[in-house]
Amino acid sequence: MTASTNLEAAANAVAEDIASDVRGVLASKDLDSVPHIKALRQRIDSKLAIARELAAEKSRIAAQKAREAANTANAYAHDEPWQIAGAALAVGVLVGLLLGRR
C-alpha cells in the first residue's frame, strides 16, 4: 500500500466514523418528535457525501503530485548521475567529519 492509499483509507475511516456518530445521534427516537430532524438528516447526509468526494479527490491529487515528483527526481538522477554521486559523497564526508569530532 502506498502512502496516499493509506492516507485515503484513514481519511475515509474518519469520515465514516463521524457519519456513523452523527447518524446515531440523529436516529434517536426522542428526536423524531422534532419536525426539522428529517430535513437535517438529509442535509447532513448530502454534506457528508460531498466531504467524502472532496477527500477522495484531494487524495488523488496528492498521489498524482507525489508520482510527478518521483518521476522528476528519477529523471534527474538518470540525467545527472555524477552530480548525485558527488552530492552523496559530500554529505557522507560531512557526516563523517561531524561524527569524528565527537
PDB file of N, CA and C in Angstrom:
ATOM      1  N   MET A   1       0.834  -1.182   0.000  1.00  0.00           N
ATOM      2  CA  MET A   1       0.000   0.000   0.000  1.00  0.00           C
ATOM      3  C   MET A   1       0.879   1.246   0.000  1.00  0.00           C
ATOM      4  N   THR A   2       0.503   2.206  -0.796  1.00  0.00           N
ATOM      5  CA  THR A   2       1.278   3.432  -0.843  1.00  0.00           C
ATOM      6  C   THR A   2       0.812   4.377   0.251  1.00  0.00           C
ATOM      7  N   ALA A   3       1.603   5.428   0.455  1.00  0.00           N
ATOM      8  CA  ALA A   3       1.258   6.396   1.496  1.00  0.00           C
ATOM      9  C   ALA A   3      -0.054   7.090   1.166  1.00  0.00           C
ATOM     10  N   SER A   4      -0.279   7.400  -0.103  1.00  0.00           N
ATOM     11  CA  SER A   4      -1.522   8.086  -0.468  1.00  0.00           C
ATOM     12  C   SER A   4      -2.727   7.176  -0.272  1.00  0.00           C
ATOM     13  N   THR A   5      -2.546   5.882  -0.515  1.00  0.00           N
ATOM     14  CA  THR A   5      -3.638   4.937  -0.284  1.00  0.00           C
ATOM     15  C   THR A   5      -3.933   4.833   1.205  1.00  0.00           C
ATOM     16  N   ASN A   6      -2.867   4.797   2.023  1.00  0.00           N
ATOM     17  CA  ASN A   6      -3.062   4.763   3.474  1.00  0.00           C
ATOM     18  C   ASN A   6      -3.763   6.017   3.959  1.00  0.00           C
ATOM     19  N   LEU A   7      -3.358   7.167   3.422  1.00  0.00           N
ATOM     20  CA  LEU A   7      -3.972   8.437   3.814  1.00  0.00           C
ATOM     21  C   LEU A   7      -5.433   8.476   3.415  1.00  0.00           C
ATOM     22  N   GLU A   8      -5.711   8.016   2.212  1.00  0.00           N
ATOM     23  CA  GLU A   8      -7.096   7.998   1.748  1.00  0.00           C
ATOM     24  C   GLU A   8      -7.943   7.070   2.608  1.00  0.00           C
ATOM     25  N   ALA A   9      -7.401   5.911   2.942  1.00  0.00           N
ATOM     26  CA  ALA A   9      -8.138   4.956   3.782  1.00  0.00           C
ATOM     27  C   ALA A   9      -8.386   5.536   5.168  1.00  0.00           C
ATOM     28  N   ALA A  10      -7.383   6.216   5.721  1.00  0.00           N
ATOM     29  CA  ALA A  10      -7.548   6.822   7.047  1.00  0.00           C
ATOM     30  C   ALA A  10      -8.581   7.941   7.006  1.00  0.00           C
ATOM     31  N   ALA A  11      -8.526   8.779   5.964  1.00  0.00           N
ATOM     32  CA  ALA A  11      -9.493   9.877   5.833  1.00  0.00           C
ATOM     33  C   ALA A  11     -10.908   9.331   5.674  1.00  0.00           C
ATOM     34  N   ASN A  12     -11.048   8.279   4.872  1.00  0.00           N
ATOM     35  CA  ASN A  12     -12.371   7.671   4.701  1.00  0.00           C
ATOM     36  C   ASN A  12     -12.870   7.052   5.997  1.00  0.00           C
ATOM     37  N   ALA A  13     -11.977   6.432   6.756  1.00  0.00           N
ATOM     38  CA  ALA A  13     -12.378   5.831   8.029  1.00  0.00           C
ATOM     39  C   ALA A  13     -12.850   6.885   9.016  1.00  0.00           C
ATOM     40  N   VAL A  14     -12.142   8.009   9.063  1.00  0.00           N
ATOM     41  CA  VAL A  14     -12.544   9.094   9.963  1.00  0.00           C
ATOM     42  C   VAL A  14     -13.892   9.668   9.530  1.00  0.00           C
ATOM     43  N   ALA A  15     -14.053   9.880   8.230  1.00  0.00           N
ATOM     44  CA  ALA A  15     -15.326  10.413   7.726  1.00  0.00           C
ATOM     45  C   ALA A  15     -16.474   9.460   8.039  1.00  0.00           C
ATOM     46  N   GLU A  16     -16.230   8.170   7.871  1.00  0.00           N
ATOM     47  CA  GLU A  16     -17.270   7.189   8.175  1.00  0.00           C
ATOM     48  C   GLU A  16     -17.585   7.143   9.666  1.00  0.00           C
ATOM     49  N   ASP A  17     -16.565   7.288  10.516  1.00  0.00           N
ATOM     50  CA  ASP A  17     -16.799   7.321  11.964  1.00  0.00           C
ATOM     51  C   ASP A  17     -17.651   8.518  12.347  1.00  0.00           C
ATOM     52  N   ILE A  18     -17.314   9.676  11.779  1.00  0.00           N
ATOM     53  CA  ILE A  18     -18.099  10.887  12.067  1.00  0.00           C
ATOM     54  C   ILE A  18     -19.526  10.708  11.577  1.00  0.00           C
ATOM     55  N   ALA A  19     -19.668  10.198  10.359  1.00  0.00           N
ATOM     56  CA  ALA A  19     -21.004   9.988   9.799  1.00  0.00           C
ATOM     57  C   ALA A  19     -21.808   9.028  10.668  1.00  0.00           C
ATOM     58  N   SER A  20     -21.159   7.975  11.115  1.00  0.00           N
ATOM     59  CA  SER A  20     -21.841   6.996  11.965  1.00  0.00           C
ATOM     60  C   SER A  20     -22.284   7.629  13.282  1.00  0.00           C
ATOM     61  N   ASP A  21     -21.406   8.433  13.885  1.00  0.00           N
ATOM     62  CA  ASP A  21     -21.752   9.090  15.147  1.00  0.00           C
ATOM     63  C   ASP A  21     -22.909  10.067  14.973  1.00  0.00           C
ATOM     64  N   VAL A  22     -22.850  10.849  13.907  1.00  0.00           N
ATOM     65  CA  VAL A  22     -23.916  11.836  13.667  1.00  0.00           C
ATOM     66  C   VAL A  22     -25.232  11.123  13.379  1.00  0.00           C
ATOM     67  N   ARG A  23     -25.174  10.093  12.563  1.00  0.00           N
ATOM     68  CA  ARG A  23     -26.407   9.341  12.268  1.00  0.00           C
ATOM     69  C   ARG A  23     -26.962   8.701  13.533  1.00  0.00           C
ATOM     70  N   GLY A  24     -26.066   8.215  14.383  1.00  0.00           N
ATOM     71  CA  GLY A  24     -26.521   7.618  15.635  1.00  0.00           C
ATOM     72  C   GLY A  24     -27.255   8.617  16.511  1.00  0.00           C
ATOM     73  N   VAL A  25     -26.718   9.828  16.581  1.00  0.00           N
ATOM     74  CA  VAL A  25     -27.375  10.868  17.378  1.00  0.00           C
ATOM     75  C   VAL A  25     -28.713  11.255  16.763  1.00  0.00           C
ATOM     76  N   LEU A  26     -28.724  11.440  15.447  1.00  0.00           N
ATOM     77  CA  LEU A  26     -29.957  11.870  14.780  1.00  0.00           C
ATOM     78  C   LEU A  26     -30.998  10.758  14.669  1.00  0.00           C
ATOM     79  N   ALA A  27     -30.578   9.504  14.825  1.00  0.00           N
ATOM     80  CA  ALA A  27     -31.512   8.391  14.732  1.00  0.00           C
ATOM     81  C   ALA A  27     -32.270   8.164  16.037  1.00  0.00           C
ATOM     82  N   SER A  28     -31.938   8.941  17.028  1.00  0.00           N
ATOM     83  CA  SER A  28     -32.598   8.789  18.327  1.00  0.00           C
ATOM     84  C   SER A  28     -34.111   8.964  18.182  1.00  0.00           C
ATOM     85  N   LYS A  29     -34.858   8.079  18.806  1.00  0.00           N
ATOM     86  CA  LYS A  29     -36.325   8.132  18.747  1.00  0.00           C
ATOM     87  C   LYS A  29     -36.869   9.392  19.428  1.00  0.00           C
ATOM     88  N   ASP A  30     -36.092   9.929  20.354  1.00  0.00           N
ATOM     89  CA  ASP A  30     -36.534  11.139  21.031  1.00  0.00           C
ATOM     90  C   ASP A  30     -36.599  12.319  20.069  1.00  0.00           C
ATOM     91  N   LEU A  31     -35.769  12.283  19.030  1.00  0.00           N
ATOM     92  CA  LEU A  31     -35.714  13.395  18.085  1.00  0.00           C
ATOM     93  C   LEU A  31     -36.777  13.308  16.990  1.00  0.00           C
ATOM     94  N   ASP A  32     -37.454  12.156  16.882  1.00  0.00           N
ATOM     95  CA  ASP A  32     -38.484  12.011  15.851  1.00  0.00           C
ATOM     96  C   ASP A  32     -39.634  12.991  16.041  1.00  0.00           C
ATOM     97  N   SER A  33     -39.836  13.480  17.249  1.00  0.00           N
ATOM     98  CA  SER A  33     -40.920  14.427  17.501  1.00  0.00           C
ATOM     99  C   SER A  33     -40.576  15.835  17.021  1.00  0.00           C
ATOM    100  N   VAL A  34     -39.293  16.078  16.730  1.00  0.00           N
ATOM    101  CA  VAL A  34     -38.873  17.395  16.238  1.00  0.00           C
ATOM    102  C   VAL A  34     -39.072  17.419  14.719  1.00  0.00           C
ATOM    103  N   PRO A  35     -39.845  18.393  14.209  1.00  0.00           N
ATOM    104  CA  PRO A  35     -40.193  18.372  12.776  1.00  0.00           C
ATOM    105  C   PRO A  35     -39.018  18.607  11.827  1.00  0.00           C
ATOM    106  N   HIS A  36     -37.974  19.270  12.254  1.00  0.00           N
ATOM    107  CA  HIS A  36     -36.881  19.608  11.339  1.00  0.00           C
ATOM    108  C   HIS A  36     -35.782  18.539  11.273  1.00  0.00           C
ATOM    109  N   ILE A  37     -35.942  17.482  12.020  1.00  0.00           N
ATOM    110  CA  ILE A  37     -34.897  16.467  12.083  1.00  0.00           C
ATOM    111  C   ILE A  37     -34.739  15.740  10.747  1.00  0.00           C
ATOM    112  N   LYS A  38     -35.841  15.435  10.057  1.00  0.00           N
ATOM    113  CA  LYS A  38     -35.746  14.726   8.788  1.00  0.00           C
ATOM    114  C   LYS A  38     -34.962  15.559   7.770  1.00  0.00           C
ATOM    115  N   ALA A  39     -35.254  16.832   7.689  1.00  0.00           N
ATOM    116  CA  ALA A  39     -34.531  17.713   6.765  1.00  0.00           C
ATOM    117  C   ALA A  39     -33.064  17.827   7.178  1.00  0.00           C
ATOM    118  N   LEU A  40     -32.814  17.904   8.468  1.00  0.00           N
ATOM    119  CA  LEU A  40     -31.444  17.980   8.971  1.00  0.00           C
ATOM    120  C   LEU A  40     -30.677  16.707   8.622  1.00  0.00           C
ATOM    121  N   ARG A  41     -31.313  15.550   8.769  1.00  0.00           N
ATOM    122  CA  ARG A  41     -30.676  14.279   8.420  1.00  0.00           C
ATOM    123  C   ARG A  41     -30.294  14.254   6.942  1.00  0.00           C
ATOM    124  N   GLN A  42     -31.204  14.719   6.087  1.00  0.00           N
ATOM    125  CA  GLN A  42     -30.925  14.735   4.644  1.00  0.00           C
ATOM    126  C   GLN A  42     -29.776  15.684   4.310  1.00  0.00           C
ATOM    127  N   ARG A  43     -29.759  16.860   4.923  1.00  0.00           N
ATOM    128  CA  ARG A  43     -28.679  17.824   4.665  1.00  0.00           C
ATOM    129  C   ARG A  43     -27.336  17.269   5.124  1.00  0.00           C
ATOM    130  N   ILE A  44     -27.327  16.648   6.285  1.00  0.00           N
ATOM    131  CA  ILE A  44     -26.070  16.086   6.795  1.00  0.00           C
ATOM    132  C   ILE A  44     -25.582  14.958   5.889  1.00  0.00           C
ATOM    133  N   ASP A  45     -26.489  14.095   5.442  1.00  0.00           N
ATOM    134  CA  ASP A  45     -26.087  13.010   4.546  1.00  0.00           C
ATOM    135  C   ASP A  45     -25.504  13.551   3.244  1.00  0.00           C
ATOM    136  N   SER A  46     -26.139  14.575   2.676  1.00  0.00           N
ATOM    137  CA  SER A  46     -25.618  15.119   1.412  1.00  0.00           C
ATOM    138  C   SER A  46     -24.274  15.812   1.628  1.00  0.00           C
ATOM    139  N   LYS A  47     -24.108  16.518   2.739  1.00  0.00           N
ATOM    140  CA  LYS A  47     -22.832  17.189   3.000  1.00  0.00           C
ATOM    141  C   LYS A  47     -21.726  16.188   3.310  1.00  0.00           C
ATOM    142  N   LEU A  48     -22.059  15.086   3.971  1.00  0.00           N
ATOM    143  CA  LEU A  48     -21.064  14.042   4.215  1.00  0.00           C
ATOM    144  C   LEU A  48     -20.636  13.379   2.908  1.00  0.00           C
ATOM    145  N   ALA A  49     -21.570  13.208   2.003  1.00  0.00           N
ATOM    146  CA  ALA A  49     -21.222  12.639   0.699  1.00  0.00           C
ATOM    147  C   ALA A  49     -20.276  13.573  -0.052  1.00  0.00           C
ATOM    148  N   ILE A  50     -20.543  14.859   0.000  1.00  0.00           N
ATOM    149  CA  ILE A  50     -19.668  15.841  -0.639  1.00  0.00           C
ATOM    150  C   ILE A  50     -18.294  15.819   0.014  1.00  0.00           C
ATOM    151  N   ALA A  51     -18.246  15.746   1.337  1.00  0.00           N
ATOM    152  CA  ALA A  51     -16.962  15.716   2.050  1.00  0.00           C
ATOM    153  C   ALA A  51     -16.161  14.475   1.664  1.00  0.00           C
ATOM    154  N   ARG A  52     -16.826  13.342   1.505  1.00  0.00           N
ATOM    155  CA  ARG A  52     -16.140  12.119   1.083  1.00  0.00           C
ATOM    156  C   ARG A  52     -15.556  12.285  -0.317  1.00  0.00           C
ATOM    157  N   GLU A  53     -16.343  12.873  -1.215  1.00  0.00           N
ATOM    158  CA  GLU A  53     -15.852  13.081  -2.580  1.00  0.00           C
ATOM    159  C   GLU A  53     -14.651  14.025  -2.595  1.00  0.00           C
ATOM    160  N   LEU A  54     -14.725  15.097  -1.811  1.00  0.00           N
ATOM    161  CA  LEU A  54     -13.612  16.048  -1.755  1.00  0.00           C
ATOM    162  C   LEU A  54     -12.351  15.398  -1.184  1.00  0.00           C
ATOM    163  N   ALA A  55     -12.509  14.597  -0.149  1.00  0.00           N
ATOM    164  CA  ALA A  55     -11.356  13.912   0.446  1.00  0.00           C
ATOM    165  C   ALA A  55     -10.730  12.944  -0.557  1.00  0.00           C
ATOM    166  N   ALA A  56     -11.552  12.236  -1.290  1.00  0.00           N
ATOM    167  CA  ALA A  56     -11.038  11.297  -2.284  1.00  0.00           C
ATOM    168  C   ALA A  56     -10.316  12.048  -3.401  1.00  0.00           C
ATOM    169  N   GLU A  57     -10.860  13.180  -3.828  1.00  0.00           N
ATOM    170  CA  GLU A  57     -10.218  13.968  -4.885  1.00  0.00           C
ATOM    171  C   GLU A  57      -8.886  14.542  -4.414  1.00  0.00           C
ATOM    172  N   LYS A  58      -8.845  15.046  -3.180  1.00  0.00           N
ATOM    173  CA  LYS A  58      -7.581  15.555  -2.636  1.00  0.00           C
ATOM    174  C   LYS A  58      -6.542  14.449  -2.557  1.00  0.00           C
ATOM    175  N   SER A  59      -6.955  13.273  -2.195  1.00  0.00           N
ATOM    176  CA  SER A  59      -6.041  12.145  -2.122  1.00  0.00           C
ATOM    177  C   SER A  59      -5.502  11.801  -3.506  1.00  0.00           C
ATOM    178  N   ARG A  60      -6.368  11.825  -4.516  1.00  0.00           N
ATOM    179  CA  ARG A  60      -5.918  11.538  -5.880  1.00  0.00           C
ATOM    180  C   ARG A  60      -4.931  12.596  -6.361  1.00  0.00           C
ATOM    181  N   ILE A  61      -5.193  13.862  -6.050  1.00  0.00           N
ATOM    182  CA  ILE A  61      -4.297  14.946  -6.459  1.00  0.00           C
ATOM    183  C   ILE A  61      -2.945  14.805  -5.768  1.00  0.00           C
ATOM    184  N   ALA A  62      -2.960  14.506  -4.475  1.00  0.00           N
ATOM    185  CA  ALA A  62      -1.702  14.337  -3.733  1.00  0.00           C
ATOM    186  C   ALA A  62      -0.900  13.165  -4.286  1.00  0.00           C
ATOM    187  N   ALA A  63      -1.573  12.082  -4.620  1.00  0.00           N
ATOM    188  CA  ALA A  63      -0.883  10.920  -5.190  1.00  0.00           C
ATOM    189  C   ALA A  63      -0.283  11.267  -6.550  1.00  0.00           C
ATOM    190  N   GLN A  64      -1.012  12.025  -7.350  1.00  0.00           N
ATOM    191  CA  GLN A  64      -0.509  12.426  -8.660  1.00  0.00           C
ATOM    192  C   GLN A  64       0.722  13.321  -8.512  1.00  0.00           C
ATOM    193  N   LYS A  65       0.679  14.269  -7.584  1.00  0.00           N
ATOM    194  CA  LYS A  65       1.826  15.147  -7.361  1.00  0.00           C
ATOM    195  C   LYS A  65       3.033  14.359  -6.859  1.00  0.00           C
ATOM    196  N   ALA A  66       2.798  13.386  -6.006  1.00  0.00           N
ATOM    197  CA  ALA A  66       3.896  12.557  -5.500  1.00  0.00           C
ATOM    198  C   ALA A  66       4.523  11.743  -6.629  1.00  0.00           C
ATOM    199  N   ARG A  67       3.680  11.197  -7.509  1.00  0.00           N
ATOM    200  CA  ARG A  67       4.210  10.451  -8.650  1.00  0.00           C
ATOM    201  C   ARG A  67       5.023  11.358  -9.569  1.00  0.00           C
ATOM    202  N   GLU A  68       4.522  12.580  -9.811  1.00  0.00           N
ATOM    203  CA  GLU A  68       5.248  13.521 -10.669  1.00  0.00           C
ATOM    204  C   GLU A  68       6.598  13.897 -10.054  1.00  0.00           C
ATOM    205  N   ALA A  69       6.618  14.126  -8.744  1.00  0.00           N
ATOM    206  CA  ALA A  69       7.875  14.468  -8.074  1.00  0.00           C
ATOM    207  C   ALA A  69       8.862  13.294  -8.138  1.00  0.00           C
ATOM    208  N   ALA A  70       8.370  12.094  -7.930  1.00  0.00           N
ATOM    209  CA  ALA A  70       9.234  10.916  -8.004  1.00  0.00           C
ATOM    210  C   ALA A  70       9.774  10.730  -9.422  1.00  0.00           C
ATOM    211  N   ASN A  71       8.938  10.948 -10.418  1.00  0.00           N
ATOM    212  CA  ASN A  71       9.388  10.822 -11.805  1.00  0.00           C
ATOM    213  C   ASN A  71      10.425  11.883 -12.145  1.00  0.00           C
ATOM    214  N   THR A  72      10.239  13.103 -11.650  1.00  0.00           N
ATOM    215  CA  THR A  72      11.206  14.173 -11.889  1.00  0.00           C
ATOM    216  C   THR A  72      12.540  13.847 -11.233  1.00  0.00           C
ATOM    217  N   ALA A  73      12.501  13.380  -9.991  1.00  0.00           N
ATOM    218  CA  ALA A  73      13.733  13.016  -9.289  1.00  0.00           C
ATOM    219  C   ALA A  73      14.427  11.852  -9.993  1.00  0.00           C
ATOM    220  N   ASN A  74      13.661  10.890 -10.444  1.00  0.00           N
ATOM    221  CA  ASN A  74      14.222   9.746 -11.158  1.00  0.00           C
ATOM    222  C   ASN A  74      14.886  10.187 -12.466  1.00  0.00           C
ATOM    223  N   ALA A  75      14.208  11.054 -13.192  1.00  0.00           N
ATOM    224  CA  ALA A  75      14.769  11.546 -14.456  1.00  0.00           C
ATOM    225  C   ALA A  75      16.060  12.323 -14.203  1.00  0.00           C
ATOM    226  N   TYR A  76      16.074  13.148 -13.170  1.00  0.00           N
ATOM    227  CA  TYR A  76      17.275  13.921 -12.854  1.00  0.00           C
ATOM    228  C   TYR A  76      18.429  12.991 -12.474  1.00  0.00           C
ATOM    229  N   ALA A  77      18.137  11.982 -11.686  1.00  0.00           N
ATOM    230  CA  ALA A  77      19.180  11.047 -11.266  1.00  0.00           C
ATOM    231  C   ALA A  77      19.753  10.287 -12.467  1.00  0.00           C
ATOM    232  N   HIS A  78      18.911   9.986 -13.437  1.00  0.00           N
ATOM    233  CA  HIS A  78      19.404   9.302 -14.631  1.00  0.00           C
ATOM    234  C   HIS A  78      20.146  10.254 -15.565  1.00  0.00           C
ATOM    235  N   ASP A  79      19.720  11.516 -15.598  1.00  0.00           N
ATOM    236  CA  ASP A  79      20.376  12.501 -16.467  1.00  0.00           C
ATOM    237  C   ASP A  79      21.702  12.984 -15.888  1.00  0.00           C
ATOM    238  N   GLU A  80      21.795  13.093 -14.587  1.00  0.00           N
ATOM    239  CA  GLU A  80      22.975  13.653 -13.919  1.00  0.00           C
ATOM    240  C   GLU A  80      23.487  12.717 -12.815  1.00  0.00           C
ATOM    241  N   PRO A  81      23.915  11.500 -13.154  1.00  0.00           N
ATOM    242  CA  PRO A  81      24.314  10.556 -12.098  1.00  0.00           C
ATOM    243  C   PRO A  81      25.563  11.013 -11.337  1.00  0.00           C
ATOM    244  N   TRP A  82      26.489  11.701 -11.995  1.00  0.00           N
ATOM    245  CA  TRP A  82      27.708  12.117 -11.314  1.00  0.00           C
ATOM    246  C   TRP A  82      27.435  13.234 -10.310  1.00  0.00           C
ATOM    247  N   GLN A  83      26.490  14.088 -10.606  1.00  0.00           N
ATOM    248  CA  GLN A  83      26.138  15.128  -9.632  1.00  0.00           C
ATOM    249  C   GLN A  83      25.500  14.500  -8.388  1.00  0.00           C
ATOM    250  N   ILE A  84      24.685  13.505  -8.598  1.00  0.00           N
ATOM    251  CA  ILE A  84      24.057  12.809  -7.468  1.00  0.00           C
ATOM    252  C   ILE A  84      25.131  12.097  -6.648  1.00  0.00           C
ATOM    253  N   ALA A  85      26.047  11.424  -7.326  1.00  0.00           N
ATOM    254  CA  ALA A  85      27.118  10.714  -6.615  1.00  0.00           C
ATOM    255  C   ALA A  85      28.002  11.701  -5.858  1.00  0.00           C
ATOM    256  N   GLY A  86      28.321  12.843  -6.482  1.00  0.00           N
ATOM    257  CA  GLY A  86      29.136  13.865  -5.819  1.00  0.00           C
ATOM    258  C   GLY A  86      28.447  14.440  -4.598  1.00  0.00           C
ATOM    259  N   ALA A  87      27.138  14.686  -4.712  1.00  0.00           N
ATOM    260  CA  ALA A  87      26.390  15.214  -3.571  1.00  0.00           C
ATOM    261  C   ALA A  87      26.350  14.188  -2.440  1.00  0.00           C
ATOM    262  N   ALA A  88      26.138  12.935  -2.779  1.00  0.00           N
ATOM    263  CA  ALA A  88      26.117  11.881  -1.754  1.00  0.00           C
ATOM    264  C   ALA A  88      27.472  11.757  -1.080  1.00  0.00           C
ATOM    265  N   LEU A  89      28.544  11.874  -1.865  1.00  0.00           N
ATOM    266  CA  LEU A  89      29.887  11.824  -1.308  1.00  0.00           C
ATOM    267  C   LEU A  89      30.126  12.997  -0.363  1.00  0.00           C
ATOM    268  N   ALA A  90      29.705  14.193  -0.758  1.00  0.00           N
ATOM    269  CA  ALA A  90      29.886  15.383   0.074  1.00  0.00           C
ATOM    270  C   ALA A  90      29.123  15.244   1.389  1.00  0.00           C
ATOM    271  N   VAL A  91      27.899  14.747   1.317  1.00  0.00           N
ATOM    272  CA  VAL A  91      27.109  14.556   2.544  1.00  0.00           C
ATOM    273  C   VAL A  91      27.784  13.511   3.427  1.00  0.00           C
ATOM    274  N   GLY A  92      28.278  12.435   2.830  1.00  0.00           N
ATOM    275  CA  GLY A  92      28.957  11.397   3.600  1.00  0.00           C
ATOM    276  C   GLY A  92      30.204  11.909   4.297  1.00  0.00           C
ATOM    277  N   VAL A  93      30.999  12.721   3.584  1.00  0.00           N
ATOM    278  CA  VAL A  93      32.200  13.304   4.187  1.00  0.00           C
ATOM    279  C   VAL A  93      31.820  14.236   5.329  1.00  0.00           C
ATOM    280  N   LEU A  94      30.803  15.062   5.111  1.00  0.00           N
ATOM    281  CA  LEU A  94      30.360  15.999   6.144  1.00  0.00           C
ATOM    282  C   LEU A  94      29.891  15.267   7.399  1.00  0.00           C
ATOM    283  N   VAL A  95      29.097  14.229   7.205  1.00  0.00           N
ATOM    284  CA  VAL A  95      28.603  13.440   8.343  1.00  0.00           C
ATOM    285  C   VAL A  95      29.785  12.753   9.035  1.00  0.00           C
ATOM    286  N   GLY A  96      30.715  12.224   8.252  1.00  0.00           N
ATOM    287  CA  GLY A  96      31.898  11.587   8.830  1.00  0.00           C
ATOM    288  C   GLY A  96      32.732  12.557   9.661  1.00  0.00           C
ATOM    289  N   LEU A  97      32.918  13.781   9.147  1.00  0.00           N
ATOM    290  CA  LEU A  97      33.668  14.795   9.901  1.00  0.00           C
ATOM    291  C   LEU A  97      32.956  15.167  11.198  1.00  0.00           C
ATOM    292  N   LEU A  98      31.650  15.342  11.104  1.00  0.00           N
ATOM    293  CA  LEU A  98      30.892  15.716  12.299  1.00  0.00           C
ATOM    294  C   LEU A  98      30.917  14.601  13.343  1.00  0.00           C
ATOM    295  N   LEU A  99      30.795  13.371  12.921  1.00  0.00           N
ATOM    296  CA  LEU A  99      30.836  12.247  13.877  1.00  0.00           C
ATOM    297  C   LEU A  99      32.251  12.037  14.399  1.00  0.00           C
ATOM    298  N   GLY A 100      33.251  12.315  13.590  1.00  0.00           N
ATOM    299  CA  GLY A 100      34.633  12.145  14.008  1.00  0.00           C
ATOM    300  C   GLY A 100      35.062  13.175  15.066  1.00  0.00           C
ATOM    301  N   ARG A 101      34.410  14.297  15.107  1.00  0.00           N
ATOM    302  CA  ARG A 101      34.746  15.339  16.074  1.00  0.00           C
ATOM    303  C   ARG A 101      34.265  14.997  17.465  1.00  0.00           C
ATOM    304  N   ARG A 102      33.355  14.104  17.581  1.00  0.00           N
ATOM    305  CA  ARG A 102      32.792  13.743  18.899  1.00  0.00           C
ATOM    306  C   ARG A 102      33.755  12.962  19.635  1.00  0.00           C
TER     307      ARG A 102
END
